[in-house]
Amino acid sequence: FMGDSAGGIDGNTVLRLAEEVKQLCDIGVQVGLV
C-alpha cells in the first residue's frame, strides 16, 4: 500500500490493487482479502 513512499498509504497504489481485484470479480471470482 505504500507505493514509493516510506510508509503509510498511497491512494493511487491502493486503487491500482483494487482494480486488479475488481477484474477478478468481473469474471465471476469470489474474492476474500487479508
ModelCIF file with pLDDT and N, C-alpha, C, O atoms, coordinates in Angstrom:
data_MODEL
#
_entry.id   MODEL 
#
_entity.id                         1 
_entity.type                       polymer 
_entity.pdbx_number_of_molecules   1 
#
_entity_poly.entity_id                      1 
_entity_poly.type                           'polypeptide(L)' 
_entity_poly.nstd_linkage                   no 
_entity_poly.nstd_monomer                   no 
_entity_poly.pdbx_seq_one_letter_code       FMGDSAGGIDGNTVLRLAEEVKQLCDIGVQVGLV 
_entity_poly.pdbx_seq_one_letter_code_can   FMGDSAGGIDGNTVLRLAEEVKQLCDIGVQVGLV 
_entity_poly.pdbx_strand_id                 A 
#
loop_
_entity_poly_seq.entity_id 
_entity_poly_seq.num 
_entity_poly_seq.mon_id 
_entity_poly_seq.hetero 
1 1  PHE n 
1 2  MET n 
1 3  GLY n 
1 4  ASP n 
1 5  SER n 
1 6  ALA n 
1 7  GLY n 
1 8  GLY n 
1 9  ILE n 
1 10 ASP n 
1 11 GLY n 
1 12 ASN n 
1 13 THR n 
1 14 VAL n 
1 15 LEU n 
1 16 ARG n 
1 17 LEU n 
1 18 ALA n 
1 19 GLU n 
1 20 GLU n 
1 21 VAL n 
1 22 LYS n 
1 23 GLN n 
1 24 LEU n 
1 25 CYS n 
1 26 ASP n 
1 27 ILE n 
1 28 GLY n 
1 29 VAL n 
1 30 GLN n 
1 31 VAL n 
1 32 GLY n 
1 33 LEU n 
1 34 VAL n 
#
_struct_asym.id          A 
_struct_asym.entity_id   1 
#
loop_
_ma_qa_metric.id 
_ma_qa_metric.mode 
_ma_qa_metric.name 
_ma_qa_metric.software_group_id 
_ma_qa_metric.type 
1 global pLDDT . pLDDT 
2 local  pLDDT . pLDDT 
#
_ma_qa_metric_global.metric_id      1 
_ma_qa_metric_global.metric_value   93.97 
_ma_qa_metric_global.model_id       1 
_ma_qa_metric_global.ordinal_id     1 
#
loop_
_ma_qa_metric_local.label_asym_id 
_ma_qa_metric_local.label_comp_id 
_ma_qa_metric_local.label_seq_id 
_ma_qa_metric_local.metric_id 
_ma_qa_metric_local.metric_value 
_ma_qa_metric_local.model_id 
_ma_qa_metric_local.ordinal_id 
A PHE 1  2 93.00 1 1  
A MET 2  2 91.00 1 2  
A GLY 3  2 85.00 1 3  
A ASP 4  2 84.00 1 4  
A SER 5  2 82.00 1 5  
A ALA 6  2 79.00 1 6  
A GLY 7  2 83.00 1 7  
A GLY 8  2 91.00 1 8  
A ILE 9  2 95.00 1 9  
A ASP 10 2 94.00 1 10 
A GLY 11 2 94.00 1 11 
A ASN 12 2 95.00 1 12 
A THR 13 2 94.00 1 13 
A VAL 14 2 96.00 1 14 
A LEU 15 2 97.00 1 15 
A ARG 16 2 96.00 1 16 
A LEU 17 2 96.00 1 17 
A ALA 18 2 97.00 1 18 
A GLU 19 2 97.00 1 19 
A GLU 20 2 95.00 1 20 
A VAL 21 2 97.00 1 21 
A LYS 22 2 97.00 1 22 
A GLN 23 2 96.00 1 23 
A LEU 24 2 97.00 1 24 
A CYS 25 2 97.00 1 25 
A ASP 26 2 97.00 1 26 
A ILE 27 2 96.00 1 27 
A GLY 28 2 96.00 1 28 
A VAL 29 2 98.00 1 29 
A GLN 30 2 98.00 1 30 
A VAL 31 2 98.00 1 31 
A GLY 32 2 98.00 1 32 
A LEU 33 2 98.00 1 33 
A VAL 34 2 98.00 1 34 
#
loop_
_atom_site.group_PDB 
_atom_site.id 
_atom_site.type_symbol 
_atom_site.label_atom_id 
_atom_site.label_alt_id 
_atom_site.label_comp_id 
_atom_site.label_asym_id 
_atom_site.label_entity_id 
_atom_site.label_seq_id 
_atom_site.pdbx_PDB_ins_code 
_atom_site.Cartn_x 
_atom_site.Cartn_y 
_atom_site.Cartn_z 
_atom_site.occupancy 
_atom_site.B_iso_or_equiv 
_atom_site.pdbx_formal_charge 
_atom_site.auth_seq_id 
_atom_site.auth_comp_id 
_atom_site.auth_asym_id 
_atom_site.auth_atom_id 
_atom_site.pdbx_PDB_model_num 
ATOM 1   N N  . PHE A 1 1  ? 0.812   -1.218  0.000   1.00 93.00 ? 1  PHE A N  1 
ATOM 2   C CA . PHE A 1 1  ? 0.000   0.000   0.000   1.00 93.00 ? 1  PHE A CA 1 
ATOM 3   C C  . PHE A 1 1  ? 0.848   1.272   0.000   1.00 93.00 ? 1  PHE A C  1 
ATOM 4   O O  . PHE A 1 1  ? 0.320   2.366   -0.201  1.00 93.00 ? 1  PHE A O  1 
ATOM 5   N N  . MET A 1 2  ? 2.147   1.139   0.221   1.00 91.00 ? 2  MET A N  1 
ATOM 6   C CA . MET A 1 2  ? 2.985   2.328   0.398   1.00 91.00 ? 2  MET A CA 1 
ATOM 7   C C  . MET A 1 2  ? 3.347   2.992   -0.917  1.00 91.00 ? 2  MET A C  1 
ATOM 8   O O  . MET A 1 2  ? 3.653   4.184   -0.943  1.00 91.00 ? 2  MET A O  1 
ATOM 9   N N  . GLY A 1 3  ? 3.318   2.242   -2.008  1.00 85.00 ? 3  GLY A N  1 
ATOM 10  C CA . GLY A 1 3  ? 3.813   2.801   -3.264  1.00 85.00 ? 3  GLY A CA 1 
ATOM 11  C C  . GLY A 1 3  ? 5.296   3.097   -3.145  1.00 85.00 ? 3  GLY A C  1 
ATOM 12  O O  . GLY A 1 3  ? 6.063   2.242   -2.701  1.00 85.00 ? 3  GLY A O  1 
ATOM 13  N N  . ASP A 1 4  ? 5.709   4.284   -3.531  1.00 84.00 ? 4  ASP A N  1 
ATOM 14  C CA . ASP A 1 4  ? 7.120   4.666   -3.449  1.00 84.00 ? 4  ASP A CA 1 
ATOM 15  C C  . ASP A 1 4  ? 7.444   5.420   -2.172  1.00 84.00 ? 4  ASP A C  1 
ATOM 16  O O  . ASP A 1 4  ? 8.575   5.868   -1.983  1.00 84.00 ? 4  ASP A O  1 
ATOM 17  N N  . SER A 1 5  ? 6.461   5.563   -1.295  1.00 82.00 ? 5  SER A N  1 
ATOM 18  C CA . SER A 1 5  ? 6.697   6.300   -0.056  1.00 82.00 ? 5  SER A CA 1 
ATOM 19  C C  . SER A 1 5  ? 7.322   5.385   0.998   1.00 82.00 ? 5  SER A C  1 
ATOM 20  O O  . SER A 1 5  ? 7.399   4.170   0.819   1.00 82.00 ? 5  SER A O  1 
ATOM 21  N N  . ALA A 1 6  ? 7.760   5.989   2.088   1.00 79.00 ? 6  ALA A N  1 
ATOM 22  C CA . ALA A 1 6  ? 8.437   5.237   3.145   1.00 79.00 ? 6  ALA A CA 1 
ATOM 23  C C  . ALA A 1 6  ? 7.473   4.557   4.099   1.00 79.00 ? 6  ALA A C  1 
ATOM 24  O O  . ALA A 1 6  ? 7.886   3.722   4.904   1.00 79.00 ? 6  ALA A O  1 
ATOM 25  N N  . GLY A 1 7  ? 6.215   4.896   4.023   1.00 83.00 ? 7  GLY A N  1 
ATOM 26  C CA . GLY A 1 7  ? 5.218   4.305   4.911   1.00 83.00 ? 7  GLY A CA 1 
ATOM 27  C C  . GLY A 1 7  ? 3.852   4.903   4.638   1.00 83.00 ? 7  GLY A C  1 
ATOM 28  O O  . GLY A 1 7  ? 3.699   5.761   3.769   1.00 83.00 ? 7  GLY A O  1 
ATOM 29  N N  . GLY A 1 8  ? 2.867   4.444   5.384   1.00 91.00 ? 8  GLY A N  1 
ATOM 30  C CA . GLY A 1 8  ? 1.515   4.960   5.215   1.00 91.00 ? 8  GLY A CA 1 
ATOM 31  C C  . GLY A 1 8  ? 0.819   4.370   4.000   1.00 91.00 ? 8  GLY A C  1 
ATOM 32  O O  . GLY A 1 8  ? 1.154   3.272   3.556   1.00 91.00 ? 8  GLY A O  1 
ATOM 33  N N  . ILE A 1 9  ? -0.154  5.104   3.463   1.00 95.00 ? 9  ILE A N  1 
ATOM 34  C CA . ILE A 1 9  ? -0.997  4.613   2.383   1.00 95.00 ? 9  ILE A CA 1 
ATOM 35  C C  . ILE A 1 9  ? -0.919  5.554   1.191   1.00 95.00 ? 9  ILE A C  1 
ATOM 36  O O  . ILE A 1 9  ? -1.169  6.753   1.320   1.00 95.00 ? 9  ILE A O  1 
ATOM 37  N N  . ASP A 1 10 ? -0.574  5.012   0.036   1.00 94.00 ? 10 ASP A N  1 
ATOM 38  C CA . ASP A 1 10 ? -0.584  5.770   -1.205  1.00 94.00 ? 10 ASP A CA 1 
ATOM 39  C C  . ASP A 1 10 ? -1.885  5.451   -1.939  1.00 94.00 ? 10 ASP A C  1 
ATOM 40  O O  . ASP A 1 10 ? -2.102  4.316   -2.365  1.00 94.00 ? 10 ASP A O  1 
ATOM 41  N N  . GLY A 1 11 ? -2.748  6.457   -2.084  1.00 94.00 ? 11 GLY A N  1 
ATOM 42  C CA . GLY A 1 11 ? -4.080  6.244   -2.640  1.00 94.00 ? 11 GLY A CA 1 
ATOM 43  C C  . GLY A 1 11 ? -4.066  5.662   -4.036  1.00 94.00 ? 11 GLY A C  1 
ATOM 44  O O  . GLY A 1 11 ? -4.882  4.793   -4.343  1.00 94.00 ? 11 GLY A O  1 
ATOM 45  N N  . ASN A 1 12 ? -3.164  6.113   -4.891  1.00 95.00 ? 12 ASN A N  1 
ATOM 46  C CA . ASN A 1 12 ? -3.101  5.607   -6.262  1.00 95.00 ? 12 ASN A CA 1 
ATOM 47  C C  . ASN A 1 12 ? -2.697  4.143   -6.304  1.00 95.00 ? 12 ASN A C  1 
ATOM 48  O O  . ASN A 1 12 ? -3.189  3.376   -7.131  1.00 95.00 ? 12 ASN A O  1 
ATOM 49  N N  . THR A 1 13 ? -1.789  3.760   -5.399  1.00 94.00 ? 13 THR A N  1 
ATOM 50  C CA . THR A 1 13 ? -1.360  2.361   -5.338  1.00 94.00 ? 13 THR A CA 1 
ATOM 51  C C  . THR A 1 13 ? -2.506  1.465   -4.891  1.00 94.00 ? 13 THR A C  1 
ATOM 52  O O  . THR A 1 13 ? -2.727  0.398   -5.465  1.00 94.00 ? 13 THR A O  1 
ATOM 53  N N  . VAL A 1 14 ? -3.235  1.898   -3.868  1.00 96.00 ? 14 VAL A N  1 
ATOM 54  C CA . VAL A 1 14 ? -4.374  1.107   -3.390  1.00 96.00 ? 14 VAL A CA 1 
ATOM 55  C C  . VAL A 1 14 ? -5.423  0.979   -4.489  1.00 96.00 ? 14 VAL A C  1 
ATOM 56  O O  . VAL A 1 14 ? -6.016  -0.086  -4.660  1.00 96.00 ? 14 VAL A O  1 
ATOM 57  N N  . LEU A 1 15 ? -5.651  2.046   -5.225  1.00 97.00 ? 15 LEU A N  1 
ATOM 58  C CA . LEU A 1 15 ? -6.631  1.997   -6.312  1.00 97.00 ? 15 LEU A CA 1 
ATOM 59  C C  . LEU A 1 15 ? -6.191  1.016   -7.393  1.00 97.00 ? 15 LEU A C  1 
ATOM 60  O O  . LEU A 1 15 ? -7.023  0.296   -7.945  1.00 97.00 ? 15 LEU A O  1 
ATOM 61  N N  . ARG A 1 16 ? -4.899  0.977   -7.701  1.00 96.00 ? 16 ARG A N  1 
ATOM 62  C CA . ARG A 1 16 ? -4.418  0.026   -8.703  1.00 96.00 ? 16 ARG A CA 1 
ATOM 63  C C  . ARG A 1 16 ? -4.645  -1.414  -8.250  1.00 96.00 ? 16 ARG A C  1 
ATOM 64  O O  . ARG A 1 16 ? -5.047  -2.268  -9.041  1.00 96.00 ? 16 ARG A O  1 
ATOM 65  N N  . LEU A 1 17 ? -4.382  -1.672  -6.965  1.00 96.00 ? 17 LEU A N  1 
ATOM 66  C CA . LEU A 1 17 ? -4.620  -3.007  -6.427  1.00 96.00 ? 17 LEU A CA 1 
ATOM 67  C C  . LEU A 1 17 ? -6.112  -3.338  -6.446  1.00 96.00 ? 17 LEU A C  1 
ATOM 68  O O  . LEU A 1 17 ? -6.505  -4.469  -6.733  1.00 96.00 ? 17 LEU A O  1 
ATOM 69  N N  . ALA A 1 18 ? -6.937  -2.330  -6.133  1.00 97.00 ? 18 ALA A N  1 
ATOM 70  C CA . ALA A 1 18 ? -8.390  -2.532  -6.169  1.00 97.00 ? 18 ALA A CA 1 
ATOM 71  C C  . ALA A 1 18 ? -8.860  -2.871  -7.577  1.00 97.00 ? 18 ALA A C  1 
ATOM 72  O O  . ALA A 1 18 ? -9.765  -3.687  -7.752  1.00 97.00 ? 18 ALA A O  1 
ATOM 73  N N  . GLU A 1 19 ? -8.249  -2.249  -8.579  1.00 97.00 ? 19 GLU A N  1 
ATOM 74  C CA . GLU A 1 19 ? -8.616  -2.543  -9.967  1.00 97.00 ? 19 GLU A CA 1 
ATOM 75  C C  . GLU A 1 19 ? -8.317  -4.003  -10.320 1.00 97.00 ? 19 GLU A C  1 
ATOM 76  O O  . GLU A 1 19 ? -9.070  -4.637  -11.059 1.00 97.00 ? 19 GLU A O  1 
ATOM 77  N N  . GLU A 1 20 ? -7.210  -4.527  -9.784  1.00 95.00 ? 20 GLU A N  1 
ATOM 78  C CA . GLU A 1 20 ? -6.877  -5.943  -10.008 1.00 95.00 ? 20 GLU A CA 1 
ATOM 79  C C  . GLU A 1 20 ? -7.945  -6.844  -9.393  1.00 95.00 ? 20 GLU A C  1 
ATOM 80  O O  . GLU A 1 20 ? -8.351  -7.837  -9.996  1.00 95.00 ? 20 GLU A O  1 
ATOM 81  N N  . VAL A 1 21 ? -8.393  -6.492  -8.196  1.00 97.00 ? 21 VAL A N  1 
ATOM 82  C CA . VAL A 1 21 ? -9.438  -7.283  -7.523  1.00 97.00 ? 21 VAL A CA 1 
ATOM 83  C C  . VAL A 1 21 ? -10.753 -7.179  -8.284  1.00 97.00 ? 21 VAL A C  1 
ATOM 84  O O  . VAL A 1 21 ? -11.465 -8.170  -8.446  1.00 97.00 ? 21 VAL A O  1 
ATOM 85  N N  . LYS A 1 22 ? -11.071 -5.974  -8.749  1.00 97.00 ? 22 LYS A N  1 
ATOM 86  C CA . LYS A 1 22 ? -12.321 -5.764  -9.490  1.00 97.00 ? 22 LYS A CA 1 
ATOM 87  C C  . LYS A 1 22 ? -12.351 -6.617  -10.763 1.00 97.00 ? 22 LYS A C  1 
ATOM 88  O O  . LYS A 1 22 ? -13.400 -7.147  -11.129 1.00 97.00 ? 22 LYS A O  1 
ATOM 89  N N  . GLN A 1 23 ? -11.217 -6.750  -11.430 1.00 96.00 ? 23 GLN A N  1 
ATOM 90  C CA . GLN A 1 23 ? -11.146 -7.586  -12.623 1.00 96.00 ? 23 GLN A CA 1 
ATOM 91  C C  . GLN A 1 23 ? -11.520 -9.032  -12.309 1.00 96.00 ? 23 GLN A C  1 
ATOM 92  O O  . GLN A 1 23 ? -12.183 -9.697  -13.104 1.00 96.00 ? 23 GLN A O  1 
ATOM 93  N N  . LEU A 1 24 ? -11.091 -9.509  -11.150 1.00 97.00 ? 24 LEU A N  1 
ATOM 94  C CA . LEU A 1 24 ? -11.439 -10.875 -10.742 1.00 97.00 ? 24 LEU A CA 1 
ATOM 95  C C  . LEU A 1 24 ? -12.941 -11.014 -10.540 1.00 97.00 ? 24 LEU A C  1 
ATOM 96  O O  . LEU A 1 24 ? -13.552 -11.987 -10.981 1.00 97.00 ? 24 LEU A O  1 
ATOM 97  N N  . CYS A 1 25 ? -13.525 -10.035 -9.871  1.00 97.00 ? 25 CYS A N  1 
ATOM 98  C CA . CYS A 1 25 ? -14.966 -10.071 -9.610  1.00 97.00 ? 25 CYS A CA 1 
ATOM 99  C C  . CYS A 1 25 ? -15.751 -10.022 -10.917 1.00 97.00 ? 25 CYS A C  1 
ATOM 100 O O  . CYS A 1 25 ? -16.788 -10.672 -11.042 1.00 97.00 ? 25 CYS A O  1 
ATOM 101 N N  . ASP A 1 26 ? -15.265 -9.263  -11.881 1.00 97.00 ? 26 ASP A N  1 
ATOM 102 C CA . ASP A 1 26 ? -15.974 -9.093  -13.156 1.00 97.00 ? 26 ASP A CA 1 
ATOM 103 C C  . ASP A 1 26 ? -16.052 -10.392 -13.955 1.00 97.00 ? 26 ASP A C  1 
ATOM 104 O O  . ASP A 1 26 ? -16.949 -10.553 -14.783 1.00 97.00 ? 26 ASP A O  1 
ATOM 105 N N  . ILE A 1 27 ? -15.117 -11.326 -13.715 1.00 96.00 ? 27 ILE A N  1 
ATOM 106 C CA . ILE A 1 27 ? -15.176 -12.607 -14.429 1.00 96.00 ? 27 ILE A CA 1 
ATOM 107 C C  . ILE A 1 27 ? -15.803 -13.706 -13.578 1.00 96.00 ? 27 ILE A C  1 
ATOM 108 O O  . ILE A 1 27 ? -15.811 -14.875 -13.965 1.00 96.00 ? 27 ILE A O  1 
ATOM 109 N N  . GLY A 1 28 ? -16.335 -13.315 -12.396 1.00 96.00 ? 28 GLY A N  1 
ATOM 110 C CA . GLY A 1 28 ? -17.091 -14.270 -11.594 1.00 96.00 ? 28 GLY A CA 1 
ATOM 111 C C  . GLY A 1 28 ? -16.363 -14.917 -10.441 1.00 96.00 ? 28 GLY A C  1 
ATOM 112 O O  . GLY A 1 28 ? -16.881 -15.855 -9.835  1.00 96.00 ? 28 GLY A O  1 
ATOM 113 N N  . VAL A 1 29 ? -15.154 -14.433 -10.118 1.00 98.00 ? 29 VAL A N  1 
ATOM 114 C CA . VAL A 1 29 ? -14.409 -14.997 -8.991  1.00 98.00 ? 29 VAL A CA 1 
ATOM 115 C C  . VAL A 1 29 ? -14.913 -14.397 -7.679  1.00 98.00 ? 29 VAL A C  1 
ATOM 116 O O  . VAL A 1 29 ? -15.132 -13.189 -7.586  1.00 98.00 ? 29 VAL A O  1 
ATOM 117 N N  . GLN A 1 30 ? -15.092 -15.237 -6.679  1.00 98.00 ? 30 GLN A N  1 
ATOM 118 C CA . GLN A 1 30 ? -15.443 -14.764 -5.337  1.00 98.00 ? 30 GLN A CA 1 
ATOM 119 C C  . GLN A 1 30 ? -14.135 -14.507 -4.591  1.00 98.00 ? 30 GLN A C  1 
ATOM 120 O O  . GLN A 1 30 ? -13.312 -15.410 -4.436  1.00 98.00 ? 30 GLN A O  1 
ATOM 121 N N  . VAL A 1 31 ? -13.951 -13.269 -4.131  1.00 98.00 ? 31 VAL A N  1 
ATOM 122 C CA . VAL A 1 31 ? -12.651 -12.845 -3.595  1.00 98.00 ? 31 VAL A CA 1 
ATOM 123 C C  . VAL A 1 31 ? -12.747 -12.469 -2.124  1.00 98.00 ? 31 VAL A C  1 
ATOM 124 O O  . VAL A 1 31 ? -13.557 -11.632 -1.724  1.00 98.00 ? 31 VAL A O  1 
ATOM 125 N N  . GLY A 1 32 ? -11.900 -13.109 -1.335  1.00 98.00 ? 32 GLY A N  1 
ATOM 126 C CA . GLY A 1 32 ? -11.671 -12.694 0.041   1.00 98.00 ? 32 GLY A CA 1 
ATOM 127 C C  . GLY A 1 32 ? -10.290 -12.083 0.136   1.00 98.00 ? 32 GLY A C  1 
ATOM 128 O O  . GLY A 1 32 ? -9.370  -12.520 -0.555  1.00 98.00 ? 32 GLY A O  1 
ATOM 129 N N  . LEU A 1 33 ? -10.132 -11.080 0.981   1.00 98.00 ? 33 LEU A N  1 
ATOM 130 C CA . LEU A 1 33 ? -8.847  -10.388 1.129   1.00 98.00 ? 33 LEU A CA 1 
ATOM 131 C C  . LEU A 1 33 ? -8.408  -10.371 2.590   1.00 98.00 ? 33 LEU A C  1 
ATOM 132 O O  . LEU A 1 33 ? -9.218  -10.160 3.492   1.00 98.00 ? 33 LEU A O  1 
ATOM 133 N N  . VAL A 1 34 ? -7.134  -10.594 2.804   1.00 98.00 ? 34 VAL A N  1 
ATOM 134 C CA . VAL A 1 34 ? -6.497  -10.303 4.087   1.00 98.00 ? 34 VAL A CA 1 
ATOM 135 C C  . VAL A 1 34 ? -5.327  -9.383  3.781   1.00 98.00 ? 34 VAL A C  1 
ATOM 136 O O  . VAL A 1 34 ? -4.607  -8.975  4.692   1.00 98.00 ? 34 VAL A O  1 
#
